[in-house]
Amino acid sequence: MWTECNEALKVNGAFDHCLSEDDKLILIELQRFLQPFQELTELVSSEQPHLGLIPLIIREIIGTTSQESGDNDIIRQIKEAVAHRESHRIKVTEAVATLLDPSTKDLVCSVPFDEQKKTVG
């Protein structure tokens, strides 16, 4: 509904709020980038989230925030900011690591998050 929104804004005299083609592309990329986070939010908001999800969540975030050659500069900056803050948001302490399933424990415990990002990306 890009056209309809722009037309409604023009009718109201808000020409400076109309979306350009570049704006549309950025919004499409942003929606694509945020989709995995919506899915992860729904996953951990389920009735019985458990610690076994931690390695999967970390791996998904690493993959989602990895830079791609076609990324817009704005999306690249967002990915960098999210990747940089992730190690502060999801901390896998030794105590938590002992509770993880042994088959998934090595996904997050053998290498610090920042180093994992480098090897996956």
PDB file of N, CA and C in Angstrom:
ATOM      1  N   MET A   1       0.822  -1.202   0.000  1.00  0.00           N
ATOM      2  CA  MET A   1       0.000   0.000   0.000  1.00  0.00           C
ATOM      3  C   MET A   1       0.863   1.263   0.000  1.00  0.00           C
ATOM      4  N   TRP A   2       2.054   1.151  -0.600  1.00  0.00           N
ATOM      5  CA  TRP A   2       2.955   2.297  -0.640  1.00  0.00           C
ATOM      6  C   TRP A   2       2.294   3.488  -1.329  1.00  0.00           C
ATOM      7  N   THR A   3       1.724   3.226  -2.489  1.00  0.00           N
ATOM      8  CA  THR A   3       1.133   4.305  -3.287  1.00  0.00           C
ATOM      9  C   THR A   3      -0.005   4.959  -2.539  1.00  0.00           C
ATOM     10  N   GLU A   4      -0.871   4.150  -1.938  1.00  0.00           N
ATOM     11  CA  GLU A   4      -2.020   4.685  -1.219  1.00  0.00           C
ATOM     12  C   GLU A   4      -1.586   5.554  -0.043  1.00  0.00           C
ATOM     13  N   CYS A   5      -0.582   5.110   0.673  1.00  0.00           N
ATOM     14  CA  CYS A   5      -0.078   5.895   1.809  1.00  0.00           C
ATOM     15  C   CYS A   5       0.505   7.223   1.331  1.00  0.00           C
ATOM     16  N   ASN A   6       1.306   7.154   0.275  1.00  0.00           N
ATOM     17  CA  ASN A   6       1.884   8.388  -0.251  1.00  0.00           C
ATOM     18  C   ASN A   6       0.811   9.354  -0.745  1.00  0.00           C
ATOM     19  N   GLU A   7      -0.197   8.829  -1.411  1.00  0.00           N
ATOM     20  CA  GLU A   7      -1.283   9.688  -1.899  1.00  0.00           C
ATOM     21  C   GLU A   7      -2.037  10.342  -0.742  1.00  0.00           C
ATOM     22  N   ALA A   8      -2.298   9.592   0.313  1.00  0.00           N
ATOM     23  CA  ALA A   8      -2.983  10.139   1.489  1.00  0.00           C
ATOM     24  C   ALA A   8      -2.133  11.230   2.142  1.00  0.00           C
ATOM     25  N   LEU A   9      -0.823  11.016   2.209  1.00  0.00           N
ATOM     26  CA  LEU A   9       0.067  12.028   2.779  1.00  0.00           C
ATOM     27  C   LEU A   9       0.084  13.291   1.917  1.00  0.00           C
ATOM     28  N   LYS A  10       0.074  13.118   0.603  1.00  0.00           N
ATOM     29  CA  LYS A  10       0.088  14.264  -0.303  1.00  0.00           C
ATOM     30  C   LYS A  10      -1.194  15.076  -0.167  1.00  0.00           C
ATOM     31  N   VAL A  11      -2.321  14.399  -0.033  1.00  0.00           N
ATOM     32  CA  VAL A  11      -3.610  15.079   0.124  1.00  0.00           C
ATOM     33  C   VAL A  11      -3.601  15.937   1.384  1.00  0.00           C
ATOM     34  N   ASN A  12      -2.941  15.437   2.432  1.00  0.00           N
ATOM     35  CA  ASN A  12      -2.872  16.173   3.698  1.00  0.00           C
ATOM     36  C   ASN A  12      -1.736  17.192   3.733  1.00  0.00           C
ATOM     37  N   GLY A  13      -1.003  17.307   2.634  1.00  0.00           N
ATOM     38  CA  GLY A  13       0.072  18.290   2.550  1.00  0.00           C
ATOM     39  C   GLY A  13       1.365  17.852   3.219  1.00  0.00           C
ATOM     40  N   ALA A  14       1.487  16.585   3.542  1.00  0.00           N
ATOM     41  CA  ALA A  14       2.681  16.088   4.228  1.00  0.00           C
ATOM     42  C   ALA A  14       3.638  15.452   3.220  1.00  0.00           C
ATOM     43  N   PHE A  15       4.038  16.245   2.249  1.00  0.00           N
ATOM     44  CA  PHE A  15       4.900  15.738   1.182  1.00  0.00           C
ATOM     45  C   PHE A  15       6.239  15.213   1.723  1.00  0.00           C
ATOM     46  N   ASP A  16       6.751  15.840   2.778  1.00  0.00           N
ATOM     47  CA  ASP A  16       8.048  15.436   3.317  1.00  0.00           C
ATOM     48  C   ASP A  16       8.000  14.079   4.021  1.00  0.00           C
ATOM     49  N   HIS A  17       6.803  13.564   4.262  1.00  0.00           N
ATOM     50  CA  HIS A  17       6.655  12.249   4.902  1.00  0.00           C
ATOM     51  C   HIS A  17       6.418  11.124   3.891  1.00  0.00           C
ATOM     52  N   CYS A  18       6.327  11.471   2.616  1.00  0.00           N
ATOM     53  CA  CYS A  18       6.123  10.452   1.589  1.00  0.00           C
ATOM     54  C   CYS A  18       7.368   9.570   1.474  1.00  0.00           C
ATOM     55  N   LEU A  19       7.137   8.309   1.181  1.00  0.00           N
ATOM     56  CA  LEU A  19       8.235   7.351   1.070  1.00  0.00           C
ATOM     57  C   LEU A  19       8.841   7.365  -0.327  1.00  0.00           C
ATOM     58  N   SER A  20      10.158   7.429  -0.365  1.00  0.00           N
ATOM     59  CA  SER A  20      10.853   7.326  -1.642  1.00  0.00           C
ATOM     60  C   SER A  20      11.076   5.844  -1.947  1.00  0.00           C
ATOM     61  N   GLU A  21      11.573   5.558  -3.132  1.00  0.00           N
ATOM     62  CA  GLU A  21      11.882   4.173  -3.493  1.00  0.00           C
ATOM     63  C   GLU A  21      12.958   3.605  -2.571  1.00  0.00           C
ATOM     64  N   ASP A  22      13.941   4.434  -2.212  1.00  0.00           N
ATOM     65  CA  ASP A  22      14.986   3.990  -1.282  1.00  0.00           C
ATOM     66  C   ASP A  22      14.394   3.661   0.090  1.00  0.00           C
ATOM     67  N   ASP A  23      13.458   4.501   0.540  1.00  0.00           N
ATOM     68  CA  ASP A  23      12.790   4.237   1.822  1.00  0.00           C
ATOM     69  C   ASP A  23      12.072   2.895   1.786  1.00  0.00           C
ATOM     70  N   LYS A  24      11.406   2.621   0.679  1.00  0.00           N
ATOM     71  CA  LYS A  24      10.681   1.348   0.538  1.00  0.00           C
ATOM     72  C   LYS A  24      11.636   0.164   0.616  1.00  0.00           C
ATOM     73  N   LEU A  25      12.764   0.275  -0.079  1.00  0.00           N
ATOM     74  CA  LEU A  25      13.744  -0.814  -0.070  1.00  0.00           C
ATOM     75  C   LEU A  25      14.309  -1.051   1.326  1.00  0.00           C
ATOM     76  N   ILE A  26      14.584   0.029   2.042  1.00  0.00           N
ATOM     77  CA  ILE A  26      15.100  -0.100   3.406  1.00  0.00           C
ATOM     78  C   ILE A  26      14.064  -0.764   4.307  1.00  0.00           C
ATOM     79  N   LEU A  27      12.816  -0.372   4.172  1.00  0.00           N
ATOM     80  CA  LEU A  27      11.762  -0.974   4.995  1.00  0.00           C
ATOM     81  C   LEU A  27      11.577  -2.457   4.684  1.00  0.00           C
ATOM     82  N   ILE A  28      11.712  -2.820   3.430  1.00  0.00           N
ATOM     83  CA  ILE A  28      11.610  -4.235   3.050  1.00  0.00           C
ATOM     84  C   ILE A  28      12.775  -5.020   3.646  1.00  0.00           C
ATOM     85  N   GLU A  29      13.992  -4.466   3.559  1.00  0.00           N
ATOM     86  CA  GLU A  29      15.155  -5.131   4.150  1.00  0.00           C
ATOM     87  C   GLU A  29      15.027  -5.219   5.667  1.00  0.00           C
ATOM     88  N   LEU A  30      14.529  -4.165   6.283  1.00  0.00           N
ATOM     89  CA  LEU A  30      14.354  -4.154   7.731  1.00  0.00           C
ATOM     90  C   LEU A  30      13.344  -5.213   8.164  1.00  0.00           C
ATOM     91  N   GLN A  31      12.275  -5.336   7.431  1.00  0.00           N
ATOM     92  CA  GLN A  31      11.270  -6.354   7.742  1.00  0.00           C
ATOM     93  C   GLN A  31      11.869  -7.748   7.610  1.00  0.00           C
ATOM     94  N   ARG A  32      12.662  -7.969   6.577  1.00  0.00           N
ATOM     95  CA  ARG A  32      13.325  -9.258   6.367  1.00  0.00           C
ATOM     96  C   ARG A  32      14.307  -9.551   7.506  1.00  0.00           C
ATOM     97  N   PHE A  33      15.049  -8.529   7.945  1.00  0.00           N
ATOM     98  CA  PHE A  33      16.002  -8.681   9.044  1.00  0.00           C
ATOM     99  C   PHE A  33      15.289  -8.986  10.359  1.00  0.00           C
ATOM    100  N   LEU A  34      14.171  -8.346  10.612  1.00  0.00           N
ATOM    101  CA  LEU A  34      13.474  -8.500  11.890  1.00  0.00           C
ATOM    102  C   LEU A  34      12.637  -9.777  11.985  1.00  0.00           C
ATOM    103  N   GLN A  35      12.315 -10.397  10.875  1.00  0.00           N
ATOM    104  CA  GLN A  35      11.465 -11.598  10.869  1.00  0.00           C
ATOM    105  C   GLN A  35      11.994 -12.701  11.789  1.00  0.00           C
ATOM    106  N   PRO A  36      13.281 -13.059  11.732  1.00  0.00           N
ATOM    107  CA  PRO A  36      13.766 -14.103  12.644  1.00  0.00           C
ATOM    108  C   PRO A  36      13.601 -13.731  14.121  1.00  0.00           C
ATOM    109  N   PHE A  37      13.708 -12.440  14.451  1.00  0.00           N
ATOM    110  CA  PHE A  37      13.542 -12.017  15.835  1.00  0.00           C
ATOM    111  C   PHE A  37      12.094 -12.181  16.280  1.00  0.00           C
ATOM    112  N   GLN A  38      11.153 -11.957  15.383  1.00  0.00           N
ATOM    113  CA  GLN A  38       9.750 -12.201  15.697  1.00  0.00           C
ATOM    114  C   GLN A  38       9.542 -13.684  15.981  1.00  0.00           C
ATOM    115  N   GLU A  39      10.115 -14.527  15.141  1.00  0.00           N
ATOM    116  CA  GLU A  39       9.973 -15.967  15.326  1.00  0.00           C
ATOM    117  C   GLU A  39      10.620 -16.431  16.632  1.00  0.00           C
ATOM    118  N   LEU A  40      11.795 -15.889  16.964  1.00  0.00           N
ATOM    119  CA  LEU A  40      12.444 -16.235  18.228  1.00  0.00           C
ATOM    120  C   LEU A  40      11.633 -15.759  19.417  1.00  0.00           C
ATOM    121  N   THR A  41      11.040 -14.578  19.309  1.00  0.00           N
ATOM    122  CA  THR A  41      10.195 -14.061  20.380  1.00  0.00           C
ATOM    123  C   THR A  41       8.998 -14.965  20.602  1.00  0.00           C
ATOM    124  N   GLU A  42       8.376 -15.400  19.527  1.00  0.00           N
ATOM    125  CA  GLU A  42       7.243 -16.313  19.644  1.00  0.00           C
ATOM    126  C   GLU A  42       7.672 -17.649  20.255  1.00  0.00           C
ATOM    127  N   LEU A  43       8.865 -18.106  19.894  1.00  0.00           N
ATOM    128  CA  LEU A  43       9.378 -19.367  20.419  1.00  0.00           C
ATOM    129  C   LEU A  43       9.587 -19.297  21.926  1.00  0.00           C
ATOM    130  N   VAL A  44      10.244 -18.252  22.412  1.00  0.00           N
ATOM    131  CA  VAL A  44      10.509 -18.159  23.851  1.00  0.00           C
ATOM    132  C   VAL A  44       9.287 -17.693  24.632  1.00  0.00           C
ATOM    133  N   SER A  45       8.279 -17.210  23.944  1.00  0.00           N
ATOM    134  CA  SER A  45       7.043 -16.818  24.618  1.00  0.00           C
ATOM    135  C   SER A  45       6.054 -17.967  24.714  1.00  0.00           C
ATOM    136  N   SER A  46       6.451 -19.132  24.212  1.00  0.00           N
ATOM    137  CA  SER A  46       5.558 -20.284  24.272  1.00  0.00           C
ATOM    138  C   SER A  46       5.360 -20.700  25.720  1.00  0.00           C
ATOM    139  N   GLU A  47       4.486 -21.641  25.932  1.00  0.00           N
ATOM    140  CA  GLU A  47       4.134 -22.046  27.289  1.00  0.00           C
ATOM    141  C   GLU A  47       5.312 -22.581  28.077  1.00  0.00           C
ATOM    142  N   GLN A  48       6.226 -23.298  27.422  1.00  0.00           N
ATOM    143  CA  GLN A  48       7.304 -23.937  28.159  1.00  0.00           C
ATOM    144  C   GLN A  48       8.664 -23.700  27.514  1.00  0.00           C
ATOM    145  N   PRO A  49       9.150 -22.453  27.537  1.00  0.00           N
ATOM    146  CA  PRO A  49      10.501 -22.234  27.014  1.00  0.00           C
ATOM    147  C   PRO A  49      11.510 -22.915  27.942  1.00  0.00           C
ATOM    148  N   HIS A  50      12.640 -23.321  27.409  1.00  0.00           N
ATOM    149  CA  HIS A  50      13.627 -24.002  28.243  1.00  0.00           C
ATOM    150  C   HIS A  50      15.042 -23.604  27.839  1.00  0.00           C
ATOM    151  N   LEU A  51      15.988 -23.907  28.709  1.00  0.00           N
ATOM    152  CA  LEU A  51      17.370 -23.525  28.492  1.00  0.00           C
ATOM    153  C   LEU A  51      17.972 -24.128  27.230  1.00  0.00           C
ATOM    154  N   GLY A  52      17.434 -25.247  26.792  1.00  0.00           N
ATOM    155  CA  GLY A  52      17.945 -25.883  25.591  1.00  0.00           C
ATOM    156  C   GLY A  52      17.796 -25.018  24.351  1.00  0.00           C
ATOM    157  N   LEU A  53      16.970 -23.991  24.431  1.00  0.00           N
ATOM    158  CA  LEU A  53      16.793 -23.085  23.294  1.00  0.00           C
ATOM    159  C   LEU A  53      17.938 -22.084  23.162  1.00  0.00           C
ATOM    160  N   ILE A  54      18.686 -21.875  24.238  1.00  0.00           N
ATOM    161  CA  ILE A  54      19.733 -20.852  24.219  1.00  0.00           C
ATOM    162  C   ILE A  54      20.722 -21.047  23.076  1.00  0.00           C
ATOM    163  N   PRO A  55      21.289 -22.235  22.891  1.00  0.00           N
ATOM    164  CA  PRO A  55      22.240 -22.385  21.768  1.00  0.00           C
ATOM    165  C   PRO A  55      21.606 -22.110  20.412  1.00  0.00           C
ATOM    166  N   LEU A  56      20.364 -22.528  20.248  1.00  0.00           N
ATOM    167  CA  LEU A  56      19.680 -22.306  18.974  1.00  0.00           C
ATOM    168  C   LEU A  56      19.414 -20.820  18.742  1.00  0.00           C
ATOM    169  N   ILE A  57      19.032 -20.134  19.788  1.00  0.00           N
ATOM    170  CA  ILE A  57      18.767 -18.697  19.685  1.00  0.00           C
ATOM    171  C   ILE A  57      20.056 -17.955  19.338  1.00  0.00           C
ATOM    172  N   ILE A  58      21.139 -18.294  20.026  1.00  0.00           N
ATOM    173  CA  ILE A  58      22.418 -17.632  19.755  1.00  0.00           C
ATOM    174  C   ILE A  58      22.853 -17.874  18.315  1.00  0.00           C
ATOM    175  N   ARG A  59      22.744 -19.106  17.842  1.00  0.00           N
ATOM    176  CA  ARG A  59      23.129 -19.410  16.458  1.00  0.00           C
ATOM    177  C   ARG A  59      22.258 -18.656  15.460  1.00  0.00           C
ATOM    178  N   GLU A  60      20.977 -18.555  15.740  1.00  0.00           N
ATOM    179  CA  GLU A  60      20.077 -17.825  14.839  1.00  0.00           C
ATOM    180  C   GLU A  60      20.446 -16.345  14.791  1.00  0.00           C
ATOM    181  N   ILE A  61      20.761 -15.778  15.930  1.00  0.00           N
ATOM    182  CA  ILE A  61      21.144 -14.365  15.974  1.00  0.00           C
ATOM    183  C   ILE A  61      22.457 -14.144  15.239  1.00  0.00           C
ATOM    184  N   ILE A  62      23.404 -15.053  15.414  1.00  0.00           N
ATOM    185  CA  ILE A  62      24.671 -14.941  14.693  1.00  0.00           C
ATOM    186  C   ILE A  62      24.423 -14.946  13.187  1.00  0.00           C
ATOM    187  N   GLY A  63      23.595 -15.861  12.736  1.00  0.00           N
ATOM    188  CA  GLY A  63      23.288 -15.935  11.310  1.00  0.00           C
ATOM    189  C   GLY A  63      22.537 -14.717  10.809  1.00  0.00           C
ATOM    190  N   THR A  64      21.588 -14.246  11.594  1.00  0.00           N
ATOM    191  CA  THR A  64      20.774 -13.107  11.192  1.00  0.00           C
ATOM    192  C   THR A  64      21.579 -11.817  11.124  1.00  0.00           C
ATOM    193  N   THR A  65      22.554 -11.666  12.012  1.00  0.00           N
ATOM    194  CA  THR A  65      23.321 -10.422  12.053  1.00  0.00           C
ATOM    195  C   THR A  65      24.584 -10.468  11.195  1.00  0.00           C
ATOM    196  N   SER A  66      24.818 -11.572  10.508  1.00  0.00           N
ATOM    197  CA  SER A  66      26.003 -11.622   9.648  1.00  0.00           C
ATOM    198  C   SER A  66      25.797 -10.704   8.441  1.00  0.00           C
ATOM    199  N   GLN A  67      26.850 -10.019   8.068  1.00  0.00           N
ATOM    200  CA  GLN A  67      26.779  -9.052   6.977  1.00  0.00           C
ATOM    201  C   GLN A  67      26.684  -9.768   5.637  1.00  0.00           C
ATOM    202  N   GLU A  68      25.848  -9.229   4.766  1.00  0.00           N
ATOM    203  CA  GLU A  68      25.716  -9.744   3.415  1.00  0.00           C
ATOM    204  C   GLU A  68      26.156  -8.663   2.445  1.00  0.00           C
ATOM    205  N   SER A  69      26.656  -9.060   1.301  1.00  0.00           N
ATOM    206  CA  SER A  69      27.204  -8.095   0.355  1.00  0.00           C
ATOM    207  C   SER A  69      26.176  -7.073  -0.122  1.00  0.00           C
ATOM    208  N   GLY A  70      24.919  -7.445  -0.202  1.00  0.00           N
ATOM    209  CA  GLY A  70      23.905  -6.532  -0.697  1.00  0.00           C
ATOM    210  C   GLY A  70      23.217  -5.696   0.362  1.00  0.00           C
ATOM    211  N   ASP A  71      23.698  -5.761   1.606  1.00  0.00           N
ATOM    212  CA  ASP A  71      23.053  -5.014   2.689  1.00  0.00           C
ATOM    213  C   ASP A  71      23.162  -3.510   2.479  1.00  0.00           C
ATOM    214  N   ASN A  72      22.066  -2.839   2.724  1.00  0.00           N
ATOM    215  CA  ASN A  72      22.025  -1.383   2.732  1.00  0.00           C
ATOM    216  C   ASN A  72      22.858  -0.901   3.925  1.00  0.00           C
ATOM    217  N   ASP A  73      23.438   0.293   3.839  1.00  0.00           N
ATOM    218  CA  ASP A  73      24.270   0.823   4.928  1.00  0.00           C
ATOM    219  C   ASP A  73      23.511   0.901   6.249  1.00  0.00           C
ATOM    220  N   ILE A  74      22.258   1.268   6.189  1.00  0.00           N
ATOM    221  CA  ILE A  74      21.452   1.373   7.412  1.00  0.00           C
ATOM    222  C   ILE A  74      21.247  -0.007   8.026  1.00  0.00           C
ATOM    223  N   ILE A  75      20.932  -0.981   7.212  1.00  0.00           N
ATOM    224  CA  ILE A  75      20.742  -2.351   7.699  1.00  0.00           C
ATOM    225  C   ILE A  75      22.061  -2.889   8.238  1.00  0.00           C
ATOM    226  N   ARG A  76      23.149  -2.593   7.578  1.00  0.00           N
ATOM    227  CA  ARG A  76      24.475  -3.028   8.039  1.00  0.00           C
ATOM    228  C   ARG A  76      24.757  -2.464   9.436  1.00  0.00           C
ATOM    229  N   GLN A  77      24.431  -1.199   9.661  1.00  0.00           N
ATOM    230  CA  GLN A  77      24.646  -0.574  10.967  1.00  0.00           C
ATOM    231  C   GLN A  77      23.759  -1.221  12.034  1.00  0.00           C
ATOM    232  N   ILE A  78      22.527  -1.527  11.680  1.00  0.00           N
ATOM    233  CA  ILE A  78      21.624  -2.180  12.627  1.00  0.00           C
ATOM    234  C   ILE A  78      22.155  -3.565  12.991  1.00  0.00           C
ATOM    235  N   LYS A  79      22.592  -4.307  11.988  1.00  0.00           N
ATOM    236  CA  LYS A  79      23.140  -5.638  12.242  1.00  0.00           C
ATOM    237  C   LYS A  79      24.356  -5.561  13.165  1.00  0.00           C
ATOM    238  N   GLU A  80      25.231  -4.606  12.913  1.00  0.00           N
ATOM    239  CA  GLU A  80      26.419  -4.443  13.750  1.00  0.00           C
ATOM    240  C   GLU A  80      26.032  -4.112  15.186  1.00  0.00           C
ATOM    241  N   ALA A  81      25.061  -3.228  15.353  1.00  0.00           N
ATOM    242  CA  ALA A  81      24.633  -2.837  16.695  1.00  0.00           C
ATOM    243  C   ALA A  81      24.018  -4.021  17.447  1.00  0.00           C
ATOM    244  N   VAL A  82      23.176  -4.783  16.768  1.00  0.00           N
ATOM    245  CA  VAL A  82      22.545  -5.946  17.402  1.00  0.00           C
ATOM    246  C   VAL A  82      23.607  -6.988  17.746  1.00  0.00           C
ATOM    247  N   ALA A  83      24.509  -7.259  16.830  1.00  0.00           N
ATOM    248  CA  ALA A  83      25.563  -8.256  17.072  1.00  0.00           C
ATOM    249  C   ALA A  83      26.460  -7.822  18.228  1.00  0.00           C
ATOM    250  N   HIS A  84      26.765  -6.542  18.288  1.00  0.00           N
ATOM    251  CA  HIS A  84      27.639  -6.031  19.346  1.00  0.00           C
ATOM    252  C   HIS A  84      26.992  -6.165  20.726  1.00  0.00           C
ATOM    253  N   ARG A  85      25.705  -5.929  20.806  1.00  0.00           N
ATOM    254  CA  ARG A  85      25.007  -5.963  22.098  1.00  0.00           C
ATOM    255  C   ARG A  85      24.588  -7.366  22.518  1.00  0.00           C
ATOM    256  N   GLU A  86      24.568  -8.295  21.598  1.00  0.00           N
ATOM    257  CA  GLU A  86      24.032  -9.616  21.911  1.00  0.00           C
ATOM    258  C   GLU A  86      24.809 -10.329  23.011  1.00  0.00           C
ATOM    259  N   SER A  87      26.123 -10.212  22.997  1.00  0.00           N
ATOM    260  CA  SER A  87      26.908 -10.884  24.029  1.00  0.00           C
ATOM    261  C   SER A  87      26.616 -10.316  25.414  1.00  0.00           C
ATOM    262  N   HIS A  88      26.087  -9.104  25.478  1.00  0.00           N
ATOM    263  CA  HIS A  88      25.706  -8.509  26.761  1.00  0.00           C
ATOM    264  C   HIS A  88      24.289  -8.912  27.169  1.00  0.00           C
ATOM    265  N   ARG A  89      23.473  -9.263  26.199  1.00  0.00           N
ATOM    266  CA  ARG A  89      22.074  -9.601  26.477  1.00  0.00           C
ATOM    267  C   ARG A  89      21.875 -11.067  26.817  1.00  0.00           C
ATOM    268  N   ILE A  90      22.581 -11.947  26.133  1.00  0.00           N
ATOM    269  CA  ILE A  90      22.470 -13.378  26.413  1.00  0.00           C
ATOM    270  C   ILE A  90      23.820 -13.848  26.919  1.00  0.00           C
ATOM    271  N   LYS A  91      23.906 -13.999  28.224  1.00  0.00           N
ATOM    272  CA  LYS A  91      25.152 -14.445  28.842  1.00  0.00           C
ATOM    273  C   LYS A  91      25.011 -15.912  29.209  1.00  0.00           C
ATOM    274  N   VAL A  92      25.925 -16.691  28.706  1.00  0.00           N
ATOM    275  CA  VAL A  92      25.940 -18.102  29.062  1.00  0.00           C
ATOM    276  C   VAL A  92      27.060 -18.287  30.082  1.00  0.00           C
ATOM    277  N   THR A  93      26.657 -18.298  31.331  1.00  0.00           N
ATOM    278  CA  THR A  93      27.630 -18.485  32.404  1.00  0.00           C
ATOM    279  C   THR A  93      27.945 -19.966  32.532  1.00  0.00           C
ATOM    280  N   GLU A  94      28.963 -20.266  33.306  1.00  0.00           N
ATOM    281  CA  GLU A  94      29.330 -21.662  33.526  1.00  0.00           C
ATOM    282  C   GLU A  94      28.174 -22.415  34.182  1.00  0.00           C
ATOM    283  N   ALA A  95      27.462 -21.736  35.085  1.00  0.00           N
ATOM    284  CA  ALA A  95      26.327 -22.377  35.758  1.00  0.00           C
ATOM    285  C   ALA A  95      25.227 -22.720  34.759  1.00  0.00           C
ATOM    286  N   VAL A  96      24.932 -21.807  33.849  1.00  0.00           N
ATOM    287  CA  VAL A  96      23.910 -22.060  32.835  1.00  0.00           C
ATOM    288  C   VAL A  96      24.395 -23.150  31.884  1.00  0.00           C
ATOM    289  N   ALA A  97      25.653 -23.097  31.531  1.00  0.00           N
ATOM    290  CA  ALA A  97      26.209 -24.069  30.589  1.00  0.00           C
ATOM    291  C   ALA A  97      26.082 -25.493  31.117  1.00  0.00           C
ATOM    292  N   THR A  98      26.196 -25.675  32.406  1.00  0.00           N
ATOM    293  CA  THR A  98      26.081 -27.029  32.967  1.00  0.00           C
ATOM    294  C   THR A  98      24.670 -27.574  32.840  1.00  0.00           C
ATOM    295  N   LEU A  99      23.696 -26.702  32.671  1.00  0.00           N
ATOM    296  CA  LEU A  99      22.305 -27.135  32.541  1.00  0.00           C
ATOM    297  C   LEU A  99      21.902 -27.433  31.102  1.00  0.00           C
ATOM    298  N   LEU A 100      22.740 -27.035  30.152  1.00  0.00           N
ATOM    299  CA  LEU A 100      22.411 -27.251  28.748  1.00  0.00           C
ATOM    300  C   LEU A 100      22.574 -28.712  28.361  1.00  0.00           C
ATOM    301  N   ASP A 101      21.840 -29.099  27.366  1.00  0.00           N
ATOM    302  CA  ASP A 101      21.969 -30.439  26.799  1.00  0.00           C
ATOM    303  C   ASP A 101      23.405 -30.608  26.300  1.00  0.00           C
ATOM    304  N   PRO A 102      24.078 -31.682  26.693  1.00  0.00           N
ATOM    305  CA  PRO A 102      25.475 -31.866  26.272  1.00  0.00           C
ATOM    306  C   PRO A 102      25.680 -31.791  24.754  1.00  0.00           C
ATOM    307  N   SER A 103      24.681 -32.193  23.986  1.00  0.00           N
ATOM    308  CA  SER A 103      24.842 -32.162  22.530  1.00  0.00           C
ATOM    309  C   SER A 103      24.814 -30.747  21.967  1.00  0.00           C
ATOM    310  N   THR A 104      24.249 -29.796  22.700  1.00  0.00           N
ATOM    311  CA  THR A 104      24.191 -28.420  22.215  1.00  0.00           C
ATOM    312  C   THR A 104      25.094 -27.488  23.009  1.00  0.00           C
ATOM    313  N   LYS A 105      25.590 -27.947  24.127  1.00  0.00           N
ATOM    314  CA  LYS A 105      26.408 -27.122  25.015  1.00  0.00           C
ATOM    315  C   LYS A 105      27.616 -26.540  24.282  1.00  0.00           C
ATOM    316  N   ASP A 106      28.275 -27.338  23.462  1.00  0.00           N
ATOM    317  CA  ASP A 106      29.471 -26.872  22.764  1.00  0.00           C
ATOM    318  C   ASP A 106      29.180 -25.777  21.756  1.00  0.00           C
ATOM    319  N   LEU A 107      27.943 -25.639  21.327  1.00  0.00           N
ATOM    320  CA  LEU A 107      27.602 -24.580  20.368  1.00  0.00           C
ATOM    321  C   LEU A 107      27.855 -23.203  20.947  1.00  0.00           C
ATOM    322  N   VAL A 108      27.668 -23.055  22.255  1.00  0.00           N
ATOM    323  CA  VAL A 108      27.802 -21.732  22.858  1.00  0.00           C
ATOM    324  C   VAL A 108      28.883 -21.633  23.905  1.00  0.00           C
ATOM    325  N   CYS A 109      29.400 -22.726  24.374  1.00  0.00           N
ATOM    326  CA  CYS A 109      30.321 -22.676  25.504  1.00  0.00           C
ATOM    327  C   CYS A 109      31.788 -22.774  25.127  1.00  0.00           C
ATOM    328  N   SER A 110      32.105 -23.366  24.010  1.00  0.00           N
ATOM    329  CA  SER A 110      33.509 -23.587  23.687  1.00  0.00           C
ATOM    330  C   SER A 110      34.210 -22.313  23.226  1.00  0.00           C
ATOM    331  N   VAL A 111      33.465 -21.385  22.634  1.00  0.00           N
ATOM    332  CA  VAL A 111      34.045 -20.160  22.106  1.00  0.00           C
ATOM    333  C   VAL A 111      33.172 -18.997  22.550  1.00  0.00           C
ATOM    334  N   PRO A 112      33.761 -17.882  23.020  1.00  0.00           N
ATOM    335  CA  PRO A 112      32.958 -16.719  23.386  1.00  0.00           C
ATOM    336  C   PRO A 112      32.104 -16.258  22.215  1.00  0.00           C
ATOM    337  N   PHE A 113      30.978 -15.624  22.517  1.00  0.00           N
ATOM    338  CA  PHE A 113      30.014 -15.217  21.491  1.00  0.00           C
ATOM    339  C   PHE A 113      30.669 -14.378  20.397  1.00  0.00           C
ATOM    340  N   ASP A 114      31.503 -13.413  20.774  1.00  0.00           N
ATOM    341  CA  ASP A 114      32.128 -12.555  19.763  1.00  0.00           C
ATOM    342  C   ASP A 114      32.985 -13.367  18.802  1.00  0.00           C
ATOM    343  N   GLU A 115      33.656 -14.390  19.304  1.00  0.00           N
ATOM    344  CA  GLU A 115      34.477 -15.238  18.453  1.00  0.00           C
ATOM    345  C   GLU A 115      33.610 -16.133  17.585  1.00  0.00           C
ATOM    346  N   GLN A 116      32.451 -16.610  18.122  1.00  0.00           N
ATOM    347  CA  GLN A 116      31.530 -17.428  17.332  1.00  0.00           C
ATOM    348  C   GLN A 116      31.052 -16.644  16.129  1.00  0.00           C
ATOM    349  N   LYS A 117      30.760 -15.378  16.316  1.00  0.00           N
ATOM    350  CA  LYS A 117      30.261 -14.536  15.244  1.00  0.00           C
ATOM    351  C   LYS A 117      31.264 -14.494  14.099  1.00  0.00           C
ATOM    352  N   LYS A 118      32.545 -14.401  14.439  1.00  0.00           N
ATOM    353  CA  LYS A 118      33.575 -14.323  13.408  1.00  0.00           C
ATOM    354  C   LYS A 118      33.669 -15.619  12.610  1.00  0.00           C
ATOM    355  N   THR A 119      33.489 -16.766  13.283  1.00  0.00           N
ATOM    356  CA  THR A 119      33.645 -18.031  12.583  1.00  0.00           C
ATOM    357  C   THR A 119      32.435 -18.371  11.742  1.00  0.00           C
ATOM    358  N   VAL A 120      31.239 -17.932  12.157  1.00  0.00           N
ATOM    359  CA  VAL A 120      30.025 -18.237  11.402  1.00  0.00           C
ATOM    360  C   VAL A 120      29.894 -17.307  10.221  1.00  0.00           C
ATOM    361  N   GLY A 121      30.150 -15.995  10.421  1.00  0.00           N
ATOM    362  CA  GLY A 121      29.960 -14.973   9.385  1.00  0.00           C
ATOM    363  C   GLY A 121      31.008 -15.088   8.364  1.00  0.00           C
TER     364      GLY A 121
END
